[in-house]
Amino acid sequence: MKTVLTTPTEERVKTACMKFDQDQDVLLVEQSLKELFDQFPGNNDLPHVLLKVVALNRLYSTQIFAVVDVARHIHRNAQAIDAALAAGSPGIVETIAKVTVTVSGKERNNYSFATKYCSWHNPASYPIYDSRVDRYLWKLQKQDRFATFFLTNADLWDYAKFRDVTMAFRDFYGLGSFSFKQIDKFLWLYGERKPGTGSGFRRDSA
């Protein structure tokens, strides 16, 4: 039997945000990350970058093992990254995401982490991607066709398109008064968890 997803509404987004914010563990995590990123908004100081990478990786469960490589990569590209973050440029997500790991010499695409890193620097410009949001948006798209250009869930791995999909979702359901951060809370809470996963905080990585 096909599952029919509940239609997103202003009231449901408000309720999801309230539920999200009322969880004391979640609140502590969100407040801690906000203070950290507010205290160290730039990326030209390597120890500060490493602190942000380690905290975000651990608290958002992004499953990055080579955190020092990621921090060094961000620090090396700090000038371009900081300028792009200030401008809200979607292309910088790919720059942050693609890192060559020292031990293996292989390139890793930390896409989900990069969207979160950008979001914490500039939440007004960067919605968060993770596999739970991916699954929910794609199922909703197949049900309601809220974005004509959204043809496959693989489209969401192009960050500019993912952001366009998020905005199309917001517009289609009359949710224009909500920020990306509020939409993110709704998407994550309404997205289904992978079978067999625990009840830990957030978020599953891509």
Protein backbone atom coordinates (compact mmCIF):
# COMPACT_ATOMS: atom_id res chain seq x y z
CA MET A 1 0.00 0.00 0.00
CA LYS A 2 1.40 3.36 -1.03
CA THR A 3 2.08 5.78 1.81
CA VAL A 4 0.56 9.23 1.32
CA LEU A 5 2.72 11.97 2.81
CA THR A 6 1.06 14.68 4.86
CA THR A 7 0.81 18.00 3.01
CA PRO A 8 3.22 20.58 4.46
CA THR A 9 1.41 23.59 5.93
CA GLU A 10 2.35 26.67 7.93
CA GLU A 11 0.85 25.15 11.06
CA ARG A 12 2.78 21.91 10.63
CA VAL A 13 6.05 23.78 10.13
CA LYS A 14 5.40 25.84 13.26
CA THR A 15 4.59 22.71 15.25
CA ALA A 16 7.71 20.94 13.97
CA CYS A 17 9.89 23.91 14.95
CA MET A 18 8.36 23.99 18.42
CA LYS A 19 8.93 20.26 18.88
CA PHE A 20 12.50 20.56 17.65
CA ASP A 21 13.28 23.50 19.94
CA GLN A 22 11.67 21.96 23.02
CA ASP A 23 14.11 19.05 23.10
CA GLN A 24 16.69 20.13 25.68
CA ASP A 25 19.49 18.00 24.22
CA VAL A 26 18.83 19.43 20.78
CA LEU A 27 18.69 22.95 22.19
CA LEU A 28 22.07 22.50 23.89
CA VAL A 29 23.66 21.26 20.68
CA GLU A 30 22.21 24.10 18.62
CA GLN A 31 23.21 26.77 21.15
CA SER A 32 26.74 25.37 21.44
CA LEU A 33 27.30 25.34 17.70
CA LYS A 34 25.84 28.81 17.31
CA GLU A 35 28.18 30.22 19.95
CA LEU A 36 31.18 28.49 18.38
CA PHE A 37 30.49 29.69 14.84
CA ASP A 38 29.58 33.18 16.06
CA GLN A 39 32.86 33.37 17.99
CA PHE A 40 34.95 32.15 15.04
CA PRO A 41 33.16 33.36 11.89
CA GLY A 42 36.28 33.38 9.67
CA ASN A 43 38.33 30.47 8.37
CA ASN A 44 41.83 31.94 8.29
CA ASP A 45 42.88 30.57 11.70
CA LEU A 46 43.56 26.82 11.54
CA PRO A 47 42.92 25.97 15.22
CA HIS A 48 39.57 27.77 15.04
CA VAL A 49 38.64 25.92 11.84
CA LEU A 50 39.58 22.60 13.42
CA LEU A 51 37.39 23.33 16.44
CA LYS A 52 34.42 24.03 14.16
CA VAL A 53 35.04 20.93 12.05
CA VAL A 54 35.41 18.64 15.07
CA ALA A 55 32.36 20.05 16.88
CA LEU A 56 30.10 19.93 13.82
CA ASN A 57 31.30 16.47 12.85
CA ARG A 58 30.69 15.06 16.32
CA LEU A 59 27.44 16.81 17.18
CA TYR A 60 25.85 16.35 13.76
CA SER A 61 27.28 12.85 13.20
CA THR A 62 28.72 13.58 9.76
CA GLN A 63 31.11 10.61 9.99
CA ILE A 64 34.29 12.37 8.91
CA PHE A 65 37.40 10.59 10.15
CA ALA A 66 40.07 12.81 8.56
CA VAL A 67 39.00 15.94 10.45
CA VAL A 68 42.48 17.46 10.34
CA ASP A 69 42.64 17.06 6.55
CA VAL A 70 39.24 18.75 6.26
CA ALA A 71 40.29 21.62 8.54
CA ARG A 72 43.54 22.16 6.63
CA HIS A 73 41.65 22.10 3.33
CA ILE A 74 39.21 24.76 4.54
CA HIS A 75 42.05 26.86 5.98
CA ARG A 76 44.03 26.70 2.71
CA ASN A 77 41.00 28.02 0.85
CA ALA A 78 39.93 30.44 3.58
CA GLN A 79 39.93 33.62 1.50
CA ALA A 80 37.72 32.17 -1.23
CA ILE A 81 35.50 30.38 1.28
CA ASP A 82 34.90 33.41 3.48
CA ALA A 83 34.08 35.63 0.49
CA ALA A 84 31.69 33.04 -0.95
CA LEU A 85 29.99 32.41 2.39
CA ALA A 86 29.39 36.13 2.85
CA ALA A 87 27.87 36.31 -0.65
CA GLY A 88 25.80 33.14 -0.19
CA SER A 89 27.38 31.48 -3.22
CA PRO A 90 26.20 27.85 -3.62
CA GLY A 91 29.35 26.81 -5.48
CA ILE A 92 31.48 26.99 -2.35
CA VAL A 93 29.76 23.87 -0.97
CA GLU A 94 31.60 21.73 -3.52
CA THR A 95 34.89 23.46 -2.71
CA ILE A 96 34.53 22.60 0.97
CA ALA A 97 33.15 19.12 0.32
CA LYS A 98 35.90 17.70 -1.88
CA VAL A 99 38.98 16.89 0.21
CA THR A 100 41.99 14.69 -0.55
CA VAL A 101 42.67 12.42 2.43
CA THR A 102 46.37 12.31 3.33
CA VAL A 103 46.55 8.65 4.36
CA SER A 104 44.84 7.18 1.28
CA GLY A 105 45.51 9.91 -1.27
CA LYS A 106 41.89 9.59 -2.37
CA GLU A 107 39.40 12.41 -2.76
CA ARG A 108 36.35 12.27 -0.49
CA ASN A 109 33.16 14.19 -1.11
CA ASN A 110 31.90 15.38 2.30
CA TYR A 111 28.80 16.92 0.74
CA SER A 112 26.43 16.71 3.69
CA PHE A 113 29.06 18.09 6.06
CA ALA A 114 29.83 20.97 3.68
CA THR A 115 26.18 22.06 3.53
CA LYS A 116 26.04 22.08 7.34
CA TYR A 117 29.32 23.97 7.63
CA CYS A 118 28.04 26.61 5.23
CA SER A 119 24.67 26.77 6.95
CA TRP A 120 26.22 27.48 10.33
CA HIS A 121 28.19 30.37 8.81
CA ASN A 122 25.25 31.80 6.84
CA PRO A 123 21.93 30.11 7.67
CA ALA A 124 19.92 32.55 5.55
CA SER A 125 21.63 31.32 2.37
CA TYR A 126 22.38 27.64 2.91
CA PRO A 127 19.74 24.98 3.58
CA ILE A 128 21.11 21.72 4.98
CA TYR A 129 21.27 18.51 2.98
CA ASP A 130 21.36 15.05 4.47
CA SER A 131 20.03 11.66 3.40
CA ARG A 132 16.90 11.99 5.53
CA VAL A 133 15.96 15.29 3.88
CA ASP A 134 16.85 13.77 0.51
CA ARG A 135 14.46 10.86 0.97
CA TYR A 136 11.62 13.05 2.18
CA LEU A 137 11.91 15.65 -0.61
CA TRP A 138 12.11 12.99 -3.30
CA LYS A 139 9.05 11.12 -1.99
CA LEU A 140 7.13 14.38 -1.75
CA GLN A 141 8.20 15.32 -5.28
CA LYS A 142 6.94 12.01 -6.66
CA GLN A 143 3.63 12.58 -4.87
CA ASP A 144 2.98 16.28 -5.54
CA ARG A 145 5.44 17.33 -8.30
CA PHE A 146 6.22 20.56 -6.50
CA ALA A 147 9.25 21.37 -8.71
CA THR A 148 9.15 20.80 -12.48
CA PHE A 149 12.97 20.70 -12.76
CA PHE A 150 13.40 18.11 -9.96
CA LEU A 151 13.69 14.91 -12.03
CA THR A 152 15.66 12.53 -9.78
CA ASN A 153 16.89 12.55 -6.21
CA ALA A 154 20.42 12.60 -7.63
CA ASP A 155 19.67 16.24 -8.53
CA LEU A 156 19.99 17.05 -4.84
CA TRP A 157 23.73 16.34 -4.98
CA ASP A 158 24.09 19.48 -7.07
CA TYR A 159 23.93 22.07 -4.29
CA ALA A 160 22.64 24.94 -6.43
CA LYS A 161 19.81 22.67 -7.59
CA PHE A 162 19.20 21.42 -4.05
CA ARG A 163 18.79 25.00 -2.88
CA ASP A 164 16.42 25.68 -5.78
CA VAL A 165 14.42 22.58 -4.85
CA THR A 166 14.19 23.77 -1.24
CA MET A 167 12.94 27.16 -2.39
CA ALA A 168 10.47 25.54 -4.79
CA PHE A 169 9.22 23.39 -1.91
CA ARG A 170 8.77 26.50 0.21
CA ASP A 171 6.94 28.37 -2.54
CA PHE A 172 4.71 25.50 -3.66
CA TYR A 173 3.30 24.88 -0.19
CA GLY A 174 2.95 28.56 0.75
CA LEU A 175 5.78 28.54 3.31
CA GLY A 176 7.55 31.69 2.16
CA SER A 177 7.49 33.24 5.63
CA PHE A 178 9.84 30.55 6.99
CA SER A 179 13.63 30.66 6.96
CA PHE A 180 15.82 27.86 5.63
CA LYS A 181 16.57 26.94 9.24
CA GLN A 182 12.89 26.55 10.05
CA ILE A 183 12.24 24.60 6.86
CA ASP A 184 15.19 22.39 7.74
CA LYS A 185 13.69 21.53 11.13
CA PHE A 186 10.43 20.56 9.45
CA LEU A 187 12.10 18.50 6.72
CA TRP A 188 14.24 16.61 9.18
CA LEU A 189 11.41 15.84 11.59
CA TYR A 190 9.04 14.77 8.81
CA GLY A 191 11.66 12.80 6.92
CA GLU A 192 11.73 9.11 7.71
CA ARG A 193 14.68 7.53 9.51
CA LYS A 194 16.59 4.75 7.84
CA PRO A 195 15.50 1.29 9.00
CA GLY A 196 17.56 0.02 11.93
CA THR A 197 18.99 3.36 12.99
CA GLY A 198 18.88 4.49 16.58
CA SER A 199 17.14 7.40 18.16
CA GLY A 200 20.20 9.67 18.44
CA PHE A 201 20.00 13.40 17.86
CA ARG A 202 20.78 14.44 14.31
CA ARG A 203 21.79 14.06 11.55
CA ASP A 204 22.56 11.13 9.31
CA SER A 205 25.31 11.91 6.84
CA ALA A 206 24.99 11.57 3.09
